[in-house]
C-alpha atoms as a PDB file:
ATOM      1  CA  UNK A   1     -10.918 -20.553  -2.530  1.00  0.00           C
ATOM      2  CA  UNK A   2     -11.153 -19.498   1.113  1.00  0.00           C
ATOM      3  CA  UNK A   3     -14.593 -18.264   2.068  1.00  0.00           C
ATOM      4  CA  UNK A   4     -14.760 -14.587   3.035  1.00  0.00           C
ATOM      5  CA  UNK A   5     -15.825 -13.496   6.491  1.00  0.00           C
ATOM      6  CA  UNK A   6     -19.235 -11.756   6.430  1.00  0.00           C
ATOM      7  CA  UNK A   7     -18.822  -8.014   6.063  1.00  0.00           C
ATOM      8  CA  UNK A   8     -18.681  -6.117   9.327  1.00  0.00           C
ATOM      9  CA  UNK A   9     -17.769  -9.075  11.546  1.00  0.00           C
ATOM     10  CA  UNK A  10     -13.989  -8.699  11.479  1.00  0.00           C
ATOM     11  CA  UNK A  11     -12.043  -6.529  13.909  1.00  0.00           C
ATOM     12  CA  UNK A  12      -9.685  -4.166  12.108  1.00  0.00           C
ATOM     13  CA  UNK A  13      -5.997  -4.757  12.748  1.00  0.00           C
ATOM     14  CA  UNK A  14      -4.944  -1.370  11.379  1.00  0.00           C
ATOM     15  CA  UNK A  15      -5.522   2.340  11.798  1.00  0.00           C
ATOM     16  CA  UNK A  16      -6.069   4.407   8.680  1.00  0.00           C
ATOM     17  CA  UNK A  17      -3.389   7.099   8.517  1.00  0.00           C
ATOM     18  CA  UNK A  18      -4.449  10.368   6.943  1.00  0.00           C
ATOM     19  CA  UNK A  19      -1.587  12.257   5.340  1.00  0.00           C
ATOM     20  CA  UNK A  20      -1.147  14.186   2.138  1.00  0.00           C
ATOM     21  CA  UNK A  21       0.624  12.890  -0.907  1.00  0.00           C
ATOM     22  CA  UNK A  22       3.864  14.652  -1.748  1.00  0.00           C
ATOM     23  CA  UNK A  23       4.366  15.861  -5.306  1.00  0.00           C
ATOM     24  CA  UNK A  24       6.793  12.997  -5.926  1.00  0.00           C
ATOM     25  CA  UNK A  25       4.341  10.387  -4.617  1.00  0.00           C
ATOM     26  CA  UNK A  26       1.467  11.821  -6.627  1.00  0.00           C
ATOM     27  CA  UNK A  27       3.516  11.847  -9.839  1.00  0.00           C
ATOM     28  CA  UNK A  28       4.690   8.282  -9.232  1.00  0.00           C
ATOM     29  CA  UNK A  29       1.117   7.026  -8.888  1.00  0.00           C
ATOM     30  CA  UNK A  30      -0.238   8.948 -11.864  1.00  0.00           C
ATOM     31  CA  UNK A  31       2.630   8.113 -14.240  1.00  0.00           C
ATOM     32  CA  UNK A  32       3.593   4.596 -13.184  1.00  0.00           C
ATOM     33  CA  UNK A  33       0.644   3.285 -11.183  1.00  0.00           C
ATOM     34  CA  UNK A  34      -0.649   1.104 -14.006  1.00  0.00           C
ATOM     35  CA  UNK A  35       2.727  -0.628 -14.216  1.00  0.00           C
ATOM     36  CA  UNK A  36       2.926  -1.558 -10.541  1.00  0.00           C
ATOM     37  CA  UNK A  37      -0.614  -1.604  -9.140  1.00  0.00           C
ATOM     38  CA  UNK A  38      -2.298  -5.002  -9.302  1.00  0.00           C
ATOM     39  CA  UNK A  39      -5.724  -4.667 -10.957  1.00  0.00           C
ATOM     40  CA  UNK A  40      -8.884  -4.869  -8.888  1.00  0.00           C
ATOM     41  CA  UNK A  41     -11.234  -7.751  -9.429  1.00  0.00           C
ATOM     42  CA  UNK A  42     -12.221 -11.183  -8.166  1.00  0.00           C
ATOM     43  CA  UNK A  43      -9.489 -13.167  -9.904  1.00  0.00           C
ATOM     44  CA  UNK A  44      -6.984 -15.353  -8.083  1.00  0.00           C
ATOM     45  CA  UNK A  45      -3.478 -13.916  -7.734  1.00  0.00           C
ATOM     46  CA  UNK A  46      -0.441 -16.121  -8.256  1.00  0.00           C
ATOM     47  CA  UNK A  47       2.302 -13.620  -8.889  1.00  0.00           C
ATOM     48  CA  UNK A  48       5.181 -16.018  -9.460  1.00  0.00           C
ATOM     49  CA  UNK A  49       3.342 -17.600 -12.397  1.00  0.00           C
ATOM     50  CA  UNK A  50       2.157 -14.256 -13.747  1.00  0.00           C
ATOM     51  CA  UNK A  51       5.643 -12.718 -13.682  1.00  0.00           C
ATOM     52  CA  UNK A  52       7.492 -15.907 -14.573  1.00  0.00           C
ATOM     53  CA  UNK A  53       9.491 -15.939 -11.337  1.00  0.00           C
ATOM     54  CA  UNK A  54      10.481 -18.709  -8.962  1.00  0.00           C
ATOM     55  CA  UNK A  55       8.865 -17.651  -5.677  1.00  0.00           C
ATOM     56  CA  UNK A  56       5.811 -15.742  -4.479  1.00  0.00           C
ATOM     57  CA  UNK A  57       5.969 -13.687  -1.271  1.00  0.00           C
ATOM     58  CA  UNK A  58       3.304 -11.462   0.265  1.00  0.00           C
ATOM     59  CA  UNK A  59       4.343  -8.421   2.274  1.00  0.00           C
ATOM     60  CA  UNK A  60       1.670  -7.106   4.633  1.00  0.00           C
ATOM     61  CA  UNK A  61       1.746  -3.434   5.635  1.00  0.00           C
ATOM     62  CA  UNK A  62       4.858  -2.247   3.795  1.00  0.00           C
ATOM     63  CA  UNK A  63       4.770   1.296   5.194  1.00  0.00           C
ATOM     64  CA  UNK A  64       6.950   3.513   3.006  1.00  0.00           C
ATOM     65  CA  UNK A  65       8.321   0.504   1.150  1.00  0.00           C
ATOM     66  CA  UNK A  66      11.974   0.593   2.227  1.00  0.00           C
ATOM     67  CA  UNK A  67      12.229  -3.120   2.939  1.00  0.00           C
ATOM     68  CA  UNK A  68      10.047  -3.977  -0.063  1.00  0.00           C
ATOM     69  CA  UNK A  69      12.143  -2.423  -2.780  1.00  0.00           C
ATOM     70  CA  UNK A  70      15.456  -3.422  -1.178  1.00  0.00           C
ATOM     71  CA  UNK A  71      14.322  -7.049  -0.907  1.00  0.00           C
ATOM     72  CA  UNK A  72      13.122  -6.867  -4.520  1.00  0.00           C
ATOM     73  CA  UNK A  73      16.503  -5.556  -5.614  1.00  0.00           C
ATOM     74  CA  UNK A  74      18.400  -8.268  -3.718  1.00  0.00           C
ATOM     75  CA  UNK A  75      16.024 -11.089  -4.726  1.00  0.00           C
ATOM     76  CA  UNK A  76      15.055 -10.581  -8.381  1.00  0.00           C
ATOM     77  CA  UNK A  77      13.620 -14.116  -8.659  1.00  0.00           C
ATOM     78  CA  UNK A  78      11.021 -13.444  -5.939  1.00  0.00           C
ATOM     79  CA  UNK A  79       7.644 -12.016  -6.962  1.00  0.00           C
ATOM     80  CA  UNK A  80       6.317  -9.766  -4.185  1.00  0.00           C
ATOM     81  CA  UNK A  81       2.707  -8.773  -3.622  1.00  0.00           C
ATOM     82  CA  UNK A  82       2.902  -5.699  -1.373  1.00  0.00           C
ATOM     83  CA  UNK A  83      -0.316  -4.777   0.451  1.00  0.00           C
ATOM     84  CA  UNK A  84      -1.022  -1.594   2.390  1.00  0.00           C
ATOM     85  CA  UNK A  85      -3.709   1.054   2.871  1.00  0.00           C
ATOM     86  CA  UNK A  86      -1.387   4.066   3.115  1.00  0.00           C
ATOM     87  CA  UNK A  87      -1.508   5.944  -0.193  1.00  0.00           C
ATOM     88  CA  UNK A  88       1.671   8.015   0.414  1.00  0.00           C
ATOM     89  CA  UNK A  89       3.521   4.760   1.031  1.00  0.00           C
ATOM     90  CA  UNK A  90       2.140   3.369  -2.220  1.00  0.00           C
ATOM     91  CA  UNK A  91       3.433   6.420  -4.077  1.00  0.00           C
ATOM     92  CA  UNK A  92       6.836   6.218  -2.407  1.00  0.00           C
ATOM     93  CA  UNK A  93       7.218   2.518  -3.200  1.00  0.00           C
ATOM     94  CA  UNK A  94       6.242   3.050  -6.832  1.00  0.00           C
ATOM     95  CA  UNK A  95       8.868   5.792  -7.096  1.00  0.00           C
ATOM     96  CA  UNK A  96      11.558   3.514  -5.630  1.00  0.00           C
ATOM     97  CA  UNK A  97      10.622   0.631  -7.932  1.00  0.00           C
ATOM     98  CA  UNK A  98      10.754   2.910 -10.958  1.00  0.00           C
ATOM     99  CA  UNK A  99      14.003   4.552  -9.864  1.00  0.00           C
ATOM    100  CA  UNK A 100      15.725   1.192  -9.390  1.00  0.00           C
ATOM    101  CA  UNK A 101      14.143  -0.385 -12.474  1.00  0.00           C
ATOM    102  CA  UNK A 102      12.495  -3.214 -10.522  1.00  0.00           C
ATOM    103  CA  UNK A 103       9.630  -5.189 -12.010  1.00  0.00           C
ATOM    104  CA  UNK A 104       9.134  -8.042  -9.527  1.00  0.00           C
ATOM    105  CA  UNK A 105       6.748  -6.184  -7.185  1.00  0.00           C
ATOM    106  CA  UNK A 106       3.028  -5.536  -7.563  1.00  0.00           C
ATOM    107  CA  UNK A 107       1.052  -3.395  -5.132  1.00  0.00           C
ATOM    108  CA  UNK A 108      -2.497  -3.600  -3.824  1.00  0.00           C
ATOM    109  CA  UNK A 109      -3.967  -0.772  -1.771  1.00  0.00           C
ATOM    110  CA  UNK A 110      -6.404  -2.629   0.440  1.00  0.00           C
ATOM    111  CA  UNK A 111      -7.075  -4.814   3.485  1.00  0.00           C
ATOM    112  CA  UNK A 112      -4.507  -7.622   3.528  1.00  0.00           C
ATOM    113  CA  UNK A 113      -6.751 -10.101   5.326  1.00  0.00           C
ATOM    114  CA  UNK A 114      -9.572  -9.639   2.839  1.00  0.00           C
ATOM    115  CA  UNK A 115      -7.221  -9.941  -0.128  1.00  0.00           C
ATOM    116  CA  UNK A 116      -5.574 -13.078   1.234  1.00  0.00           C
ATOM    117  CA  UNK A 117      -8.943 -14.596   2.088  1.00  0.00           C
ATOM    118  CA  UNK A 118     -10.575 -13.966  -1.283  1.00  0.00           C
ATOM    119  CA  UNK A 119      -7.810 -13.725  -3.908  1.00  0.00           C
ATOM    120  CA  UNK A 120      -4.979 -16.052  -2.860  1.00  0.00           C
ATOM    121  CA  UNK A 121      -5.230 -19.767  -3.622  1.00  0.00           C
ATOM    122  CA  UNK A 122      -4.432 -22.361  -0.941  1.00  0.00           C
ATOM    123  CA  UNK A 123      -0.777 -23.446  -0.722  1.00  0.00           C
ATOM    124  CA  UNK A 124       0.338 -20.995  -3.423  1.00  0.00           C
ATOM    125  CA  UNK A 125       2.607 -18.654  -1.434  1.00  0.00           C
ATOM    126  CA  UNK A 126       6.244 -19.273  -0.497  1.00  0.00           C
ATOM    127  CA  UNK A 127       6.265 -16.824   2.394  1.00  0.00           C
ATOM    128  CA  UNK A 128       4.625 -13.893   4.169  1.00  0.00           C
ATOM    129  CA  UNK A 129       6.391 -10.900   5.699  1.00  0.00           C
ATOM    130  CA  UNK A 130       4.904  -8.751   8.451  1.00  0.00           C
ATOM    131  CA  UNK A 131       7.327  -6.074   9.590  1.00  0.00           C
ATOM    132  CA  UNK A 132       6.605  -3.617  12.417  1.00  0.00           C
ATOM    133  CA  UNK A 133       2.814  -3.829  12.432  1.00  0.00           C
ATOM    134  CA  UNK A 134       0.785  -1.631  14.740  1.00  0.00           C
ATOM    135  CA  UNK A 135       1.525  -3.081  18.214  1.00  0.00           C
ATOM    136  CA  UNK A 136      -1.777  -1.964  19.734  1.00  0.00           C
ATOM    137  CA  UNK A 137      -0.004  -1.623  23.106  1.00  0.00           C
ATOM    138  CA  UNK A 138      -3.048  -0.995  25.299  1.00  0.00           C
ATOM    139  CA  UNK A 139      -4.463  -4.177  26.793  1.00  0.00           C
ATOM    140  CA  UNK A 140      -7.990  -3.389  25.643  1.00  0.00           C
ATOM    141  CA  UNK A 141      -6.690  -3.154  22.063  1.00  0.00           C
ATOM    142  CA  UNK A 142      -4.759  -6.440  21.989  1.00  0.00           C
ATOM    143  CA  UNK A 143      -7.681  -8.022  20.124  1.00  0.00           C
ATOM    144  CA  UNK A 144      -6.731  -5.780  17.186  1.00  0.00           C
ATOM    145  CA  UNK A 145      -3.238  -7.224  16.811  1.00  0.00           C
ATOM    146  CA  UNK A 146      -2.695  -8.866  13.454  1.00  0.00           C
ATOM    147  CA  UNK A 147      -1.079 -11.941  14.986  1.00  0.00           C
ATOM    148  CA  UNK A 148      -3.719 -14.167  16.497  1.00  0.00           C
ATOM    149  CA  UNK A 149      -4.863 -17.761  16.123  1.00  0.00           C
ATOM    150  CA  UNK A 150      -7.446 -17.012  13.437  1.00  0.00           C
ATOM    151  CA  UNK A 151      -5.137 -14.936  11.249  1.00  0.00           C
ATOM    152  CA  UNK A 152      -2.277 -17.411  11.594  1.00  0.00           C
ATOM    153  CA  UNK A 153      -4.657 -20.136  10.424  1.00  0.00           C
ATOM    154  CA  UNK A 154      -5.609 -18.022   7.411  1.00  0.00           C
ATOM    155  CA  UNK A 155      -1.954 -17.449   6.522  1.00  0.00           C
ATOM    156  CA  UNK A 156      -1.267 -21.170   6.922  1.00  0.00           C
ATOM    157  CA  UNK A 157      -3.957 -21.938   4.353  1.00  0.00           C
ATOM    158  CA  UNK A 158      -2.227 -19.962   1.603  1.00  0.00           C
ATOM    159  CA  UNK A 159       1.431 -20.702   2.472  1.00  0.00           C
ATOM    160  CA  UNK A 160       2.968 -23.852   1.008  1.00  0.00           C
ATOM    161  CA  UNK A 161       4.250 -26.538   3.403  1.00  0.00           C
ATOM    162  CA  UNK A 162       7.796 -25.472   4.209  1.00  0.00           C
ATOM    163  CA  UNK A 163       7.001 -21.839   3.437  1.00  0.00           C
ATOM    164  CA  UNK A 164       7.712 -19.124   5.958  1.00  0.00           C
ATOM    165  CA  UNK A 165       6.160 -16.382   8.070  1.00  0.00           C
ATOM    166  CA  UNK A 166       8.639 -13.649   9.022  1.00  0.00           C
ATOM    167  CA  UNK A 167       7.577 -11.205  11.738  1.00  0.00           C
ATOM    168  CA  UNK A 168       9.532  -8.251  13.109  1.00  0.00           C
ATOM    169  CA  UNK A 169       8.688  -5.748  15.852  1.00  0.00           C
ATOM    170  CA  UNK A 170      10.292  -3.225  18.175  1.00  0.00           C
ATOM    171  CA  UNK A 171       7.710  -3.821  20.916  1.00  0.00           C
ATOM    172  CA  UNK A 172       8.828  -6.529  23.340  1.00  0.00           C
ATOM    173  CA  UNK A 173       5.283  -7.196  24.497  1.00  0.00           C
ATOM    174  CA  UNK A 174       4.176  -7.861  20.927  1.00  0.00           C
ATOM    175  CA  UNK A 175       7.236 -10.043  20.344  1.00  0.00           C
ATOM    176  CA  UNK A 176       6.349 -12.128  23.400  1.00  0.00           C
ATOM    177  CA  UNK A 177       2.716 -12.287  22.282  1.00  0.00           C
ATOM    178  CA  UNK A 178       3.685 -13.468  18.776  1.00  0.00           C
ATOM    179  CA  UNK A 179       6.158 -16.000  20.137  1.00  0.00           C
ATOM    180  CA  UNK A 180       3.382 -17.525  22.247  1.00  0.00           C
ATOM    181  CA  UNK A 181       0.857 -17.504  19.395  1.00  0.00           C
ATOM    182  CA  UNK A 182       3.268 -19.203  16.979  1.00  0.00           C
ATOM    183  CA  UNK A 183       4.484 -21.711  19.565  1.00  0.00           C
ATOM    184  CA  UNK A 184       1.005 -22.999  20.300  1.00  0.00           C
ATOM    185  CA  UNK A 185      -0.334 -22.894  16.734  1.00  0.00           C
ATOM    186  CA  UNK A 186      -0.538 -26.385  15.156  1.00  0.00           C
ATOM    187  CA  UNK A 187       0.309 -25.185  11.612  1.00  0.00           C
ATOM    188  CA  UNK A 188       3.547 -23.304  12.351  1.00  0.00           C
ATOM    189  CA  UNK A 189       6.969 -24.293  13.669  1.00  0.00           C
ATOM    190  CA  UNK A 190       9.264 -21.591  15.039  1.00  0.00           C
ATOM    191  CA  UNK A 191      12.885 -21.757  13.958  1.00  0.00           C
ATOM    192  CA  UNK A 192      16.077 -19.900  14.747  1.00  0.00           C
ATOM    193  CA  UNK A 193      17.009 -17.127  12.355  1.00  0.00           C
ATOM    194  CA  UNK A 194      18.785 -18.714   9.415  1.00  0.00           C
ATOM    195  CA  UNK A 195      21.739 -17.316   7.532  1.00  0.00           C
ATOM    196  CA  UNK A 196      20.360 -17.863   4.041  1.00  0.00           C
ATOM    197  CA  UNK A 197      17.045 -18.031   2.234  1.00  0.00           C
ATOM    198  CA  UNK A 198      14.371 -15.651   0.968  1.00  0.00           C
ATOM    199  CA  UNK A 199      13.456 -14.825   4.582  1.00  0.00           C
ATOM    200  CA  UNK A 200      16.982 -13.582   5.383  1.00  0.00           C
ATOM    201  CA  UNK A 201      18.740 -10.240   4.979  1.00  0.00           C
ATOM    202  CA  UNK A 202      15.865  -8.056   6.168  1.00  0.00           C
ATOM    203  CA  UNK A 203      16.504  -4.419   5.251  1.00  0.00           C
ATOM    204  CA  UNK A 204      16.126  -1.724   7.886  1.00  0.00           C
ATOM    205  CA  UNK A 205      12.924   0.313   7.809  1.00  0.00           C
ATOM    206  CA  UNK A 206      12.226   3.755   9.214  1.00  0.00           C
ATOM    207  CA  UNK A 207       9.943   2.176  11.825  1.00  0.00           C
ATOM    208  CA  UNK A 208      12.845   0.025  12.966  1.00  0.00           C
ATOM    209  CA  UNK A 209      15.183   3.009  13.118  1.00  0.00           C
ATOM    210  CA  UNK A 210      12.621   4.959  15.111  1.00  0.00           C
ATOM    211  CA  UNK A 211      12.274   2.094  17.576  1.00  0.00           C
ATOM    212  CA  UNK A 212      16.042   1.803  18.002  1.00  0.00           C
ATOM    213  CA  UNK A 213      16.306   5.548  18.603  1.00  0.00           C
ATOM    214  CA  UNK A 214      13.797   5.124  21.423  1.00  0.00           C
ATOM    215  CA  UNK A 215      15.960   2.379  22.944  1.00  0.00           C
ATOM    216  CA  UNK A 216      13.772  -0.553  21.936  1.00  0.00           C
ATOM    217  CA  UNK A 217      15.171  -3.953  21.031  1.00  0.00           C
ATOM    218  CA  UNK A 218      14.255  -5.446  17.664  1.00  0.00           C
ATOM    219  CA  UNK A 219      12.848  -8.968  17.513  1.00  0.00           C
ATOM    220  CA  UNK A 220      12.608 -11.119  14.396  1.00  0.00           C
ATOM    221  CA  UNK A 221      10.594 -14.332  14.521  1.00  0.00           C
ATOM    222  CA  UNK A 222      10.518 -16.875  11.688  1.00  0.00           C
ATOM    223  CA  UNK A 223       8.166 -19.830  11.491  1.00  0.00           C
ATOM    224  CA  UNK A 224       7.817 -22.504   8.834  1.00  0.00           C
ATOM    225  CA  UNK A 225       4.531 -23.934   7.643  1.00  0.00           C
ATOM    226  CA  UNK A 226       4.297 -27.536   8.802  1.00  0.00           C
END
């Protein structure tokens, strides 16, 4: 397994959002949480084997889960481990999964980097999705961006050769930053958007819609693990 970084040495790539659970979200967690929440513990996660499905994809920072459940509905043979720290989003995603009778998604409420580092085996994942992460637009905060050399190396350790990393943002500066980071990284090869595959057909999220309403262009970048 990948050795964890000593506690307290890692710069956070996220901001904790404090918002109340709606009644629907609270009910979803209390009634169906055991069905969809992946159990805590030190064990290695290989969701495709555990669910008897063909592919294993990790989704980092799923927000309110719009893309997650729609991908799950369109790709029933893909096991998805959805990771986020936003409890209302967890409740909303559980409600959508239950409503649409989907059983190929499991959720962890936690730090994605720590989970990937300590609970995902090397070369066990078919792809990783990172859609509309916090852009940290101020120059002094760029060090907090999820996409950097170290994190891309960590993702490369768990993604199979030929597996993918799919990134989307509505911030041009972050798109340019990610393009540069992926271009120079020895483990990843950028490709043009492809018409078919488990990386294709990305559903629209509310973050994307918000960005479009503000006049921002949307950028998708896909890289394959060398």
